[in-house]
Amino acid sequence: MPRLTPPDRVESPWQYWIARVVPMLYITTLTIAIPTILTQSLLLSDLGAAQEQKLQQQLRSISIKVLAHGETIGSGVLLHRQRQIYTAITNAHVIQSASAPFQLQTPDGQIYAAALIPPPTGKNRDLSILRFQSQHRIYPTAKLATASPKIGDRVWSSGFPLMSGTEPLDRSTVPSKAPWGLNIEIGQITQILPISISGGYRIGSDQAISKGMSGGPLINKTGEVIGINSVRANPLWENPTTLENGTRVSDVLQDQINNSSWAIPIEFVEEYRLLTLPTDRSGSIIDFEKN
């Protein structure tokens, strides 16, 4: 007698849906979703990289070397242009570290004789104004911030570190180096003081500013200059111990000052620029655009 085989098991529509259709839909969804997610991630990464590159290019275009007798003594910023006359700014302590004549080296490598402009009367901030003339070349100038920075804001700084036998440059702390020696540091604002430290220092950050970067720009994420780098963390010389109103800083604040890099806010810089504009014999500001 032939062996009887059991009849094939008949699946219900619901069982068929669970066993066959659902896995197919899941695989199809993954096939579509994963490339989309990866593409979006790569796009966001590319946008971030593009923004970073744009900010670094902005720093390269406005950062200048300050020289005395042909030797680099610090950094500066191209602040303003009126026809052929350029106004640059650096720190007063950079200028005080050397003697005239001073020169400025622009991003294209050109070196110009620079005139040191006397500081505004009654102002004692760590800033110095320099001017030079370029007859044949046009350089971009800084875009100044109109909004106040906030604690936690991401910031970028640039300048030209100096090397000496007693203080070698630590390349491991330098995230970006332009071909002509410009270093770019990235960090965030850690402090904004209600009353500036003596010299005008108000914006504290965690950036590793090196000796020689004093006078360079501090910019925000939109490429606007919010300050001028002035004091690095844990300097070899003594840090300021008083505020601009004459109050001596507390021990807690002194520790914070010592452990942060400090910048002079852009409103002080613009005040210096406006107060040092060239005037004629009558005291009126000379507008080079009309001459």
C-alpha atoms as a PDB file:
ATOM      1  CA  MET A   1       0.000   0.000   0.000  1.00  0.00           C
ATOM      2  CA  PRO A   2       1.473   3.338  -0.938  1.00  0.00           C
ATOM      3  CA  ARG A   3       2.465   5.705   1.891  1.00  0.00           C
ATOM      4  CA  LEU A   4       0.137   8.662   2.255  1.00  0.00           C
ATOM      5  CA  THR A   5       1.812  12.033   2.535  1.00  0.00           C
ATOM      6  CA  PRO A   6       0.194  14.803   4.580  1.00  0.00           C
ATOM      7  CA  PRO A   7      -1.354  17.558   2.574  1.00  0.00           C
ATOM      8  CA  ASP A   8       0.629  20.806   2.151  1.00  0.00           C
ATOM      9  CA  ARG A   9      -0.001  23.359   4.894  1.00  0.00           C
ATOM     10  CA  VAL A  10      -2.168  26.148   3.591  1.00  0.00           C
ATOM     11  CA  GLU A  11      -1.118  29.674   4.755  1.00  0.00           C
ATOM     12  CA  SER A  12      -3.744  32.198   5.661  1.00  0.00           C
ATOM     13  CA  PRO A  13      -3.488  35.634   3.991  1.00  0.00           C
ATOM     14  CA  TRP A  14      -2.338  37.133   7.286  1.00  0.00           C
ATOM     15  CA  GLN A  15       0.393  34.514   7.731  1.00  0.00           C
ATOM     16  CA  TYR A  16       1.545  35.050   4.165  1.00  0.00           C
ATOM     17  CA  TRP A  17       1.727  38.853   4.789  1.00  0.00           C
ATOM     18  CA  ILE A  18       3.791  38.393   7.935  1.00  0.00           C
ATOM     19  CA  ALA A  19       6.126  35.786   6.483  1.00  0.00           C
ATOM     20  CA  ARG A  20       6.661  37.120   2.983  1.00  0.00           C
ATOM     21  CA  VAL A  21       5.601  40.707   2.452  1.00  0.00           C
ATOM     22  CA  VAL A  22       6.802  42.364   5.664  1.00  0.00           C
ATOM     23  CA  PRO A  23      10.454  41.255   5.260  1.00  0.00           C
ATOM     24  CA  MET A  24      10.418  42.452   1.665  1.00  0.00           C
ATOM     25  CA  LEU A  25       9.084  45.854   2.702  1.00  0.00           C
ATOM     26  CA  TYR A  26      11.701  46.093   5.476  1.00  0.00           C
ATOM     27  CA  ILE A  27      14.542  45.316   3.093  1.00  0.00           C
ATOM     28  CA  THR A  28      13.189  47.778   0.517  1.00  0.00           C
ATOM     29  CA  THR A  29      12.919  50.520   3.169  1.00  0.00           C
ATOM     30  CA  LEU A  30      16.496  49.966   4.294  1.00  0.00           C
ATOM     31  CA  THR A  31      17.680  49.990   0.693  1.00  0.00           C
ATOM     32  CA  ILE A  32      16.164  53.429   0.211  1.00  0.00           C
ATOM     33  CA  ALA A  33      16.776  54.922   3.685  1.00  0.00           C
ATOM     34  CA  ILE A  34      20.421  54.038   4.256  1.00  0.00           C
ATOM     35  CA  PRO A  35      21.789  55.761   1.129  1.00  0.00           C
ATOM     36  CA  THR A  36      19.589  58.769   1.881  1.00  0.00           C
ATOM     37  CA  ILE A  37      20.900  59.048   5.441  1.00  0.00           C
ATOM     38  CA  LEU A  38      24.478  58.631   4.289  1.00  0.00           C
ATOM     39  CA  THR A  39      24.014  61.213   1.568  1.00  0.00           C
ATOM     40  CA  GLN A  40      22.545  63.719   4.032  1.00  0.00           C
ATOM     41  CA  SER A  41      25.377  63.112   6.485  1.00  0.00           C
ATOM     42  CA  LEU A  42      27.982  63.603   3.787  1.00  0.00           C
ATOM     43  CA  LEU A  43      26.213  66.755   2.622  1.00  0.00           C
ATOM     44  CA  LEU A  44      26.186  68.190   6.134  1.00  0.00           C
ATOM     45  CA  SER A  45      29.849  67.242   6.516  1.00  0.00           C
ATOM     46  CA  ASP A  46      30.668  68.950   3.225  1.00  0.00           C
ATOM     47  CA  LEU A  47      28.749  72.061   4.289  1.00  0.00           C
ATOM     48  CA  GLY A  48      30.674  72.146   7.578  1.00  0.00           C
ATOM     49  CA  ALA A  49      33.979  71.702   5.804  1.00  0.00           C
ATOM     50  CA  ALA A  50      33.071  74.388   3.286  1.00  0.00           C
ATOM     51  CA  GLN A  51      32.148  76.829   6.067  1.00  0.00           C
ATOM     52  CA  GLU A  52      35.376  76.063   7.916  1.00  0.00           C
ATOM     53  CA  GLN A  53      37.392  76.641   4.754  1.00  0.00           C
ATOM     54  CA  LYS A  54      35.582  79.931   4.140  1.00  0.00           C
ATOM     55  CA  LEU A  55      36.349  81.176   7.655  1.00  0.00           C
ATOM     56  CA  GLN A  56      40.010  80.246   7.356  1.00  0.00           C
ATOM     57  CA  GLN A  57      40.217  82.040   4.024  1.00  0.00           C
ATOM     58  CA  GLN A  58      38.623  85.079   5.636  1.00  0.00           C
ATOM     59  CA  LEU A  59      41.325  85.083   8.312  1.00  0.00           C
ATOM     60  CA  ARG A  60      44.067  84.730   5.725  1.00  0.00           C
ATOM     61  CA  SER A  61      42.745  87.682   3.734  1.00  0.00           C
ATOM     62  CA  ILE A  62      42.700  90.189   6.628  1.00  0.00           C
ATOM     63  CA  SER A  63      45.660  89.043   8.769  1.00  0.00           C
ATOM     64  CA  ILE A  64      48.970  90.862   8.368  1.00  0.00           C
ATOM     65  CA  LYS A  65      52.457  90.679   9.816  1.00  0.00           C
ATOM     66  CA  VAL A  66      53.822  93.601  11.793  1.00  0.00           C
ATOM     67  CA  LEU A  67      57.548  94.130  11.261  1.00  0.00           C
ATOM     68  CA  ALA A  68      60.233  96.405  12.632  1.00  0.00           C
ATOM     69  CA  HIS A  69      63.520  96.736  10.758  1.00  0.00           C
ATOM     70  CA  GLY A  70      62.427  93.778   8.619  1.00  0.00           C
ATOM     71  CA  GLU A  71      61.809  91.409  11.559  1.00  0.00           C
ATOM     72  CA  THR A  72      58.372  90.075  12.503  1.00  0.00           C
ATOM     73  CA  ILE A  73      57.276  91.382  15.887  1.00  0.00           C
ATOM     74  CA  GLY A  74      53.581  90.449  15.909  1.00  0.00           C
ATOM     75  CA  SER A  75      50.303  90.302  14.051  1.00  0.00           C
ATOM     76  CA  GLY A  76      47.681  92.763  12.876  1.00  0.00           C
ATOM     77  CA  VAL A  77      44.380  93.188  11.042  1.00  0.00           C
ATOM     78  CA  LEU A  78      43.478  95.098   7.890  1.00  0.00           C
ATOM     79  CA  LEU A  79      40.719  97.221   9.349  1.00  0.00           C
ATOM     80  CA  HIS A  80      39.669  99.856   6.821  1.00  0.00           C
ATOM     81  CA  ARG A  81      40.420 101.261   3.374  1.00  0.00           C
ATOM     82  CA  GLN A  82      39.910 104.725   1.884  1.00  0.00           C
ATOM     83  CA  ARG A  83      41.087 104.659  -1.705  1.00  0.00           C
ATOM     84  CA  GLN A  84      44.822 103.945  -1.457  1.00  0.00           C
ATOM     85  CA  ILE A  85      45.105 104.418   2.325  1.00  0.00           C
ATOM     86  CA  TYR A  86      44.758 101.359   4.569  1.00  0.00           C
ATOM     87  CA  THR A  87      44.244 101.389   8.320  1.00  0.00           C
ATOM     88  CA  ALA A  88      45.555  98.423  10.286  1.00  0.00           C
ATOM     89  CA  ILE A  89      45.449  97.655  13.983  1.00  0.00           C
ATOM     90  CA  THR A  90      47.673  95.686  16.322  1.00  0.00           C
ATOM     91  CA  ASN A  91      48.462  95.691  20.037  1.00  0.00           C
ATOM     92  CA  ALA A  92      50.335  98.557  21.641  1.00  0.00           C
ATOM     93  CA  HIS A  93      52.608  96.068  23.390  1.00  0.00           C
ATOM     94  CA  VAL A  94      53.626  94.702  19.972  1.00  0.00           C
ATOM     95  CA  ILE A  95      54.721  98.185  18.871  1.00  0.00           C
ATOM     96  CA  GLN A  96      56.391  98.882  22.212  1.00  0.00           C
ATOM     97  CA  SER A  97      58.513  95.741  21.834  1.00  0.00           C
ATOM     98  CA  ALA A  98      60.487  97.343  18.995  1.00  0.00           C
ATOM     99  CA  SER A  99      61.354 100.706  17.475  1.00  0.00           C
ATOM    100  CA  ALA A 100      60.501 102.487  14.240  1.00  0.00           C
ATOM    101  CA  PRO A 101      60.531 102.195  11.307  1.00  0.00           C
ATOM    102  CA  PHE A 102      57.615  99.750  11.130  1.00  0.00           C
ATOM    103  CA  GLN A 103      56.382  97.790   8.142  1.00  0.00           C
ATOM    104  CA  LEU A 104      53.308  95.712   7.378  1.00  0.00           C
ATOM    105  CA  GLN A 105      53.322  92.563   5.274  1.00  0.00           C
ATOM    106  CA  THR A 106      50.055  91.858   3.471  1.00  0.00           C
ATOM    107  CA  PRO A 107      48.730  88.366   2.585  1.00  0.00           C
ATOM    108  CA  ASP A 108      50.274  88.547  -0.892  1.00  0.00           C
ATOM    109  CA  GLY A 109      53.738  88.960   0.622  1.00  0.00           C
ATOM    110  CA  GLN A 110      54.115  92.657  -0.178  1.00  0.00           C
ATOM    111  CA  ILE A 111      55.800  94.795   2.493  1.00  0.00           C
ATOM    112  CA  TYR A 112      54.742  98.402   3.025  1.00  0.00           C
ATOM    113  CA  ALA A 113      56.206 101.183   5.140  1.00  0.00           C
ATOM    114  CA  ALA A 114      53.740 101.937   7.921  1.00  0.00           C
ATOM    115  CA  ALA A 115      53.067 105.144   9.806  1.00  0.00           C
ATOM    116  CA  LEU A 116      52.314 104.792  13.506  1.00  0.00           C
ATOM    117  CA  ILE A 117      49.313 106.914  14.491  1.00  0.00           C
ATOM    118  CA  PRO A 118      49.337 108.440  18.010  1.00  0.00           C
ATOM    119  CA  PRO A 119      46.664 106.944  20.300  1.00  0.00           C
ATOM    120  CA  PRO A 120      43.523 108.934  21.085  1.00  0.00           C
ATOM    121  CA  THR A 121      43.869 111.355  23.975  1.00  0.00           C
ATOM    122  CA  GLY A 122      42.802 109.851  27.275  1.00  0.00           C
ATOM    123  CA  LYS A 123      42.692 106.277  25.979  1.00  0.00           C
ATOM    124  CA  ASN A 124      45.005 103.695  27.491  1.00  0.00           C
ATOM    125  CA  ARG A 125      44.039 100.470  25.784  1.00  0.00           C
ATOM    126  CA  ASP A 126      46.440  97.933  24.355  1.00  0.00           C
ATOM    127  CA  LEU A 127      45.863  99.043  20.764  1.00  0.00           C
ATOM    128  CA  SER A 128      47.930 100.800  18.108  1.00  0.00           C
ATOM    129  CA  ILE A 129      46.842 102.119  14.724  1.00  0.00           C
ATOM    130  CA  LEU A 130      49.104 101.887  11.662  1.00  0.00           C
ATOM    131  CA  ARG A 131      48.501 103.224   8.155  1.00  0.00           C
ATOM    132  CA  PHE A 132      50.078 102.461   4.803  1.00  0.00           C
ATOM    133  CA  GLN A 133      49.488 103.287   1.179  1.00  0.00           C
ATOM    134  CA  SER A 134      49.032 100.803  -1.664  1.00  0.00           C
ATOM    135  CA  GLN A 135      48.816 102.412  -5.082  1.00  0.00           C
ATOM    136  CA  HIS A 136      48.424  99.336  -7.256  1.00  0.00           C
ATOM    137  CA  ARG A 137      46.891  96.592  -5.114  1.00  0.00           C
ATOM    138  CA  ILE A 138      43.515  96.340  -3.405  1.00  0.00           C
ATOM    139  CA  TYR A 139      43.162  94.260  -0.248  1.00  0.00           C
ATOM    140  CA  PRO A 140      40.017  93.070   1.546  1.00  0.00           C
ATOM    141  CA  THR A 141      39.399  94.533   4.979  1.00  0.00           C
ATOM    142  CA  ALA A 142      37.734  93.135   8.073  1.00  0.00           C
ATOM    143  CA  LYS A 143      33.999  92.896   8.447  1.00  0.00           C
ATOM    144  CA  LEU A 144      33.256  94.118  11.962  1.00  0.00           C
ATOM    145  CA  ALA A 145      30.622  92.432  14.114  1.00  0.00           C
ATOM    146  CA  THR A 146      27.496  94.383  15.014  1.00  0.00           C
ATOM    147  CA  ALA A 147      26.112  91.905  17.542  1.00  0.00           C
ATOM    148  CA  SER A 148      27.767  91.212  20.893  1.00  0.00           C
ATOM    149  CA  PRO A 149      29.415  87.806  21.352  1.00  0.00           C
ATOM    150  CA  LYS A 150      28.115  85.325  23.935  1.00  0.00           C
ATOM    151  CA  ILE A 151      29.724  82.798  26.233  1.00  0.00           C
ATOM    152  CA  GLY A 152      29.898  79.466  24.419  1.00  0.00           C
ATOM    153  CA  ASP A 153      30.198  80.991  20.947  1.00  0.00           C
ATOM    154  CA  ARG A 154      32.648  79.212  18.683  1.00  0.00           C
ATOM    155  CA  VAL A 155      35.500  81.491  17.589  1.00  0.00           C
ATOM    156  CA  TRP A 156      38.548  81.463  15.325  1.00  0.00           C
ATOM    157  CA  SER A 157      41.823  83.371  15.740  1.00  0.00           C
ATOM    158  CA  SER A 158      44.864  83.872  13.554  1.00  0.00           C
ATOM    159  CA  GLY A 159      48.363  85.266  13.870  1.00  0.00           C
ATOM    160  CA  PHE A 160      52.060  84.669  13.345  1.00  0.00           C
ATOM    161  CA  PRO A 161      53.735  82.789  16.226  1.00  0.00           C
ATOM    162  CA  LEU A 162      57.299  83.795  16.993  1.00  0.00           C
ATOM    163  CA  MET A 163      60.008  81.248  17.653  1.00  0.00           C
ATOM    164  CA  SER A 164      62.880  81.832  20.027  1.00  0.00           C
ATOM    165  CA  GLY A 165      65.528  79.785  21.703  1.00  0.00           C
ATOM    166  CA  THR A 166      63.715  80.004  25.027  1.00  0.00           C
ATOM    167  CA  GLU A 167      60.193  79.342  23.751  1.00  0.00           C
ATOM    168  CA  PRO A 168      59.907  76.947  20.790  1.00  0.00           C
ATOM    169  CA  LEU A 169      56.610  76.822  18.934  1.00  0.00           C
ATOM    170  CA  ASP A 170      54.613  73.697  19.810  1.00  0.00           C
ATOM    171  CA  ARG A 171      53.283  72.574  16.427  1.00  0.00           C
ATOM    172  CA  SER A 172      50.961  70.034  18.075  1.00  0.00           C
ATOM    173  CA  THR A 173      48.763  72.895  19.283  1.00  0.00           C
ATOM    174  CA  VAL A 174      48.449  74.483  15.825  1.00  0.00           C
ATOM    175  CA  PRO A 175      45.442  73.072  13.914  1.00  0.00           C
ATOM    176  CA  SER A 176      45.951  75.040  10.721  1.00  0.00           C
ATOM    177  CA  LYS A 177      48.961  76.695   9.152  1.00  0.00           C
ATOM    178  CA  ALA A 178      48.773  78.806   6.019  1.00  0.00           C
ATOM    179  CA  PRO A 179      51.622  78.730   3.477  1.00  0.00           C
ATOM    180  CA  TRP A 180      53.100  82.048   4.623  1.00  0.00           C
ATOM    181  CA  GLY A 181      53.221  81.196   8.334  1.00  0.00           C
ATOM    182  CA  LEU A 182      49.742  82.140   9.531  1.00  0.00           C
ATOM    183  CA  ASN A 183      48.394  79.950  12.328  1.00  0.00           C
ATOM    184  CA  ILE A 184      44.675  79.535  12.958  1.00  0.00           C
ATOM    185  CA  GLU A 185      43.268  78.499  16.326  1.00  0.00           C
ATOM    186  CA  ILE A 186      39.705  77.339  17.042  1.00  0.00           C
ATOM    187  CA  GLY A 187      37.940  77.498  20.401  1.00  0.00           C
ATOM    188  CA  GLN A 188      35.042  79.023  22.233  1.00  0.00           C
ATOM    189  CA  ILE A 189      34.335  82.044  24.394  1.00  0.00           C
ATOM    190  CA  THR A 190      34.530  81.166  28.066  1.00  0.00           C
ATOM    191  CA  GLN A 191      34.154  84.603  29.665  1.00  0.00           C
ATOM    192  CA  ILE A 192      32.903  88.092  28.885  1.00  0.00           C
ATOM    193  CA  LEU A 193      33.714  90.526  31.660  1.00  0.00           C
ATOM    194  CA  PRO A 194      31.298  93.349  32.554  1.00  0.00           C
ATOM    195  CA  ILE A 195      34.311  95.589  33.249  1.00  0.00           C
ATOM    196  CA  SER A 196      37.407  95.196  31.097  1.00  0.00           C
ATOM    197  CA  ILE A 197      40.770  94.239  32.492  1.00  0.00           C
ATOM    198  CA  SER A 198      43.286  97.079  32.390  1.00  0.00           C
ATOM    199  CA  GLY A 199      44.297  97.461  28.760  1.00  0.00           C
ATOM    200  CA  GLY A 200      40.798  96.788  27.427  1.00  0.00           C
ATOM    201  CA  TYR A 201      40.801  92.981  27.619  1.00  0.00           C
ATOM    202  CA  ARG A 202      37.240  91.686  27.993  1.00  0.00           C
ATOM    203  CA  ILE A 203      36.663  88.524  25.903  1.00  0.00           C
ATOM    204  CA  GLY A 204      38.154  85.340  27.371  1.00  0.00           C
ATOM    205  CA  SER A 205      38.523  82.143  25.347  1.00  0.00           C
ATOM    206  CA  ASP A 206      40.061  78.685  25.577  1.00  0.00           C
ATOM    207  CA  GLN A 207      42.155  79.103  22.426  1.00  0.00           C
ATOM    208  CA  ALA A 208      45.860  78.269  22.528  1.00  0.00           C
ATOM    209  CA  ILE A 209      47.135  81.676  21.415  1.00  0.00           C
ATOM    210  CA  SER A 210      50.905  81.682  20.931  1.00  0.00           C
ATOM    211  CA  LYS A 211      53.457  84.436  21.416  1.00  0.00           C
ATOM    212  CA  GLY A 212      53.450  86.527  18.253  1.00  0.00           C
ATOM    213  CA  MET A 213      49.732  86.114  17.576  1.00  0.00           C
ATOM    214  CA  SER A 214      48.983  89.271  19.579  1.00  0.00           C
ATOM    215  CA  GLY A 215      47.211  91.804  17.397  1.00  0.00           C
ATOM    216  CA  GLY A 216      45.541  89.189  15.203  1.00  0.00           C
ATOM    217  CA  PRO A 217      41.785  88.917  14.608  1.00  0.00           C
ATOM    218  CA  LEU A 218      39.196  87.016  16.625  1.00  0.00           C
ATOM    219  CA  ILE A 219      36.194  86.157  14.422  1.00  0.00           C
ATOM    220  CA  ASN A 220      32.805  84.517  14.920  1.00  0.00           C
ATOM    221  CA  LYS A 221      31.118  81.797  12.844  1.00  0.00           C
ATOM    222  CA  THR A 222      29.958  84.321  10.232  1.00  0.00           C
ATOM    223  CA  GLY A 223      33.482  85.668   9.668  1.00  0.00           C
ATOM    224  CA  GLU A 224      32.931  88.957  11.514  1.00  0.00           C
ATOM    225  CA  VAL A 225      35.740  90.316  13.668  1.00  0.00           C
ATOM    226  CA  ILE A 226      34.611  90.480  17.296  1.00  0.00           C
ATOM    227  CA  GLY A 227      37.949  91.335  18.877  1.00  0.00           C
ATOM    228  CA  ILE A 228      41.729  91.642  18.714  1.00  0.00           C
ATOM    229  CA  ASN A 229      43.829  88.944  20.378  1.00  0.00           C
ATOM    230  CA  SER A 230      45.950  90.497  23.073  1.00  0.00           C
ATOM    231  CA  VAL A 231      46.885  88.235  25.995  1.00  0.00           C
ATOM    232  CA  ARG A 232      47.569  84.535  25.845  1.00  0.00           C
ATOM    233  CA  ALA A 233      46.979  82.050  28.636  1.00  0.00           C
ATOM    234  CA  ASN A 234      49.784  81.642  31.196  1.00  0.00           C
ATOM    235  CA  PRO A 235      52.186  84.176  29.659  1.00  0.00           C
ATOM    236  CA  LEU A 236      55.803  84.450  30.751  1.00  0.00           C
ATOM    237  CA  TRP A 237      55.233  88.049  31.799  1.00  0.00           C
ATOM    238  CA  GLU A 238      52.868  89.127  34.581  1.00  0.00           C
ATOM    239  CA  ASN A 239      49.176  89.213  33.722  1.00  0.00           C
ATOM    240  CA  PRO A 240      47.117  92.384  34.407  1.00  0.00           C
ATOM    241  CA  THR A 241      45.912  92.572  38.003  1.00  0.00           C
ATOM    242  CA  THR A 242      43.485  95.500  37.852  1.00  0.00           C
ATOM    243  CA  LEU A 243      40.296  96.384  36.014  1.00  0.00           C
ATOM    244  CA  GLU A 244      39.867  99.526  33.936  1.00  0.00           C
ATOM    245  CA  ASN A 245      37.979 101.201  36.792  1.00  0.00           C
ATOM    246  CA  GLY A 246      41.012 100.754  39.045  1.00  0.00           C
ATOM    247  CA  THR A 247      39.609  97.834  41.056  1.00  0.00           C
ATOM    248  CA  ARG A 248      42.076  95.100  41.885  1.00  0.00           C
ATOM    249  CA  VAL A 249      40.945  91.707  40.578  1.00  0.00           C
ATOM    250  CA  SER A 250      40.054  88.974  43.041  1.00  0.00           C
ATOM    251  CA  ASP A 251      42.144  85.824  43.393  1.00  0.00           C
ATOM    252  CA  VAL A 252      39.413  83.796  41.666  1.00  0.00           C
ATOM    253  CA  LEU A 253      39.293  86.178  38.700  1.00  0.00           C
ATOM    254  CA  GLN A 254      43.097  86.292  38.584  1.00  0.00           C
ATOM    255  CA  ASP A 255      43.170  82.513  38.143  1.00  0.00           C
ATOM    256  CA  GLN A 256      40.608  82.813  35.354  1.00  0.00           C
ATOM    257  CA  ILE A 257      42.677  85.522  33.695  1.00  0.00           C
ATOM    258  CA  ASN A 258      45.822  83.418  33.914  1.00  0.00           C
ATOM    259  CA  ASN A 259      44.143  80.363  32.375  1.00  0.00           C
ATOM    260  CA  SER A 260      42.429  82.118  29.460  1.00  0.00           C
ATOM    261  CA  SER A 261      43.429  83.941  26.300  1.00  0.00           C
ATOM    262  CA  TRP A 262      42.035  87.482  26.113  1.00  0.00           C
ATOM    263  CA  ALA A 263      40.865  89.762  23.346  1.00  0.00           C
ATOM    264  CA  ILE A 264      39.913  93.431  23.180  1.00  0.00           C
ATOM    265  CA  PRO A 265      36.299  93.795  21.927  1.00  0.00           C
ATOM    266  CA  ILE A 266      35.689  95.269  18.504  1.00  0.00           C
ATOM    267  CA  GLU A 267      33.790  98.307  19.843  1.00  0.00           C
ATOM    268  CA  PHE A 268      37.040  99.513  21.459  1.00  0.00           C
ATOM    269  CA  VAL A 269      38.887  98.902  18.194  1.00  0.00           C
ATOM    270  CA  GLU A 270      36.368 100.897  16.158  1.00  0.00           C
ATOM    271  CA  GLU A 271      36.518 103.689  18.742  1.00  0.00           C
ATOM    272  CA  TYR A 272      40.283 103.883  18.240  1.00  0.00           C
ATOM    273  CA  ARG A 273      39.934 103.910  14.478  1.00  0.00           C
ATOM    274  CA  LEU A 274      37.368 106.706  14.473  1.00  0.00           C
ATOM    275  CA  LEU A 275      39.344 108.812  16.940  1.00  0.00           C
ATOM    276  CA  THR A 276      42.514 108.524  14.857  1.00  0.00           C
ATOM    277  CA  LEU A 277      41.085 109.361  11.436  1.00  0.00           C
ATOM    278  CA  PRO A 278      43.257 111.922   9.613  1.00  0.00           C
ATOM    279  CA  THR A 279      42.077 115.520   9.856  1.00  0.00           C
ATOM    280  CA  ASP A 280      42.896 118.711   7.981  1.00  0.00           C
ATOM    281  CA  ARG A 281      44.097 121.961   9.560  1.00  0.00           C
ATOM    282  CA  SER A 282      40.554 122.889  10.594  1.00  0.00           C
ATOM    283  CA  GLY A 283      40.153 119.611  12.456  1.00  0.00           C
ATOM    284  CA  SER A 284      37.696 118.110   9.937  1.00  0.00           C
ATOM    285  CA  ILE A 285      38.071 114.428   9.072  1.00  0.00           C
ATOM    286  CA  ILE A 286      39.644 113.940   5.653  1.00  0.00           C
ATOM    287  CA  ASP A 287      37.436 111.845   3.379  1.00  0.00           C
ATOM    288  CA  PHE A 288      39.828 110.274   0.875  1.00  0.00           C
ATOM    289  CA  GLU A 289      36.884 109.074  -1.208  1.00  0.00           C
ATOM    290  CA  LYS A 290      36.133 112.687  -2.161  1.00  0.00           C
ATOM    291  CA  ASN A 291      39.722 113.657  -2.982  1.00  0.00           C
END
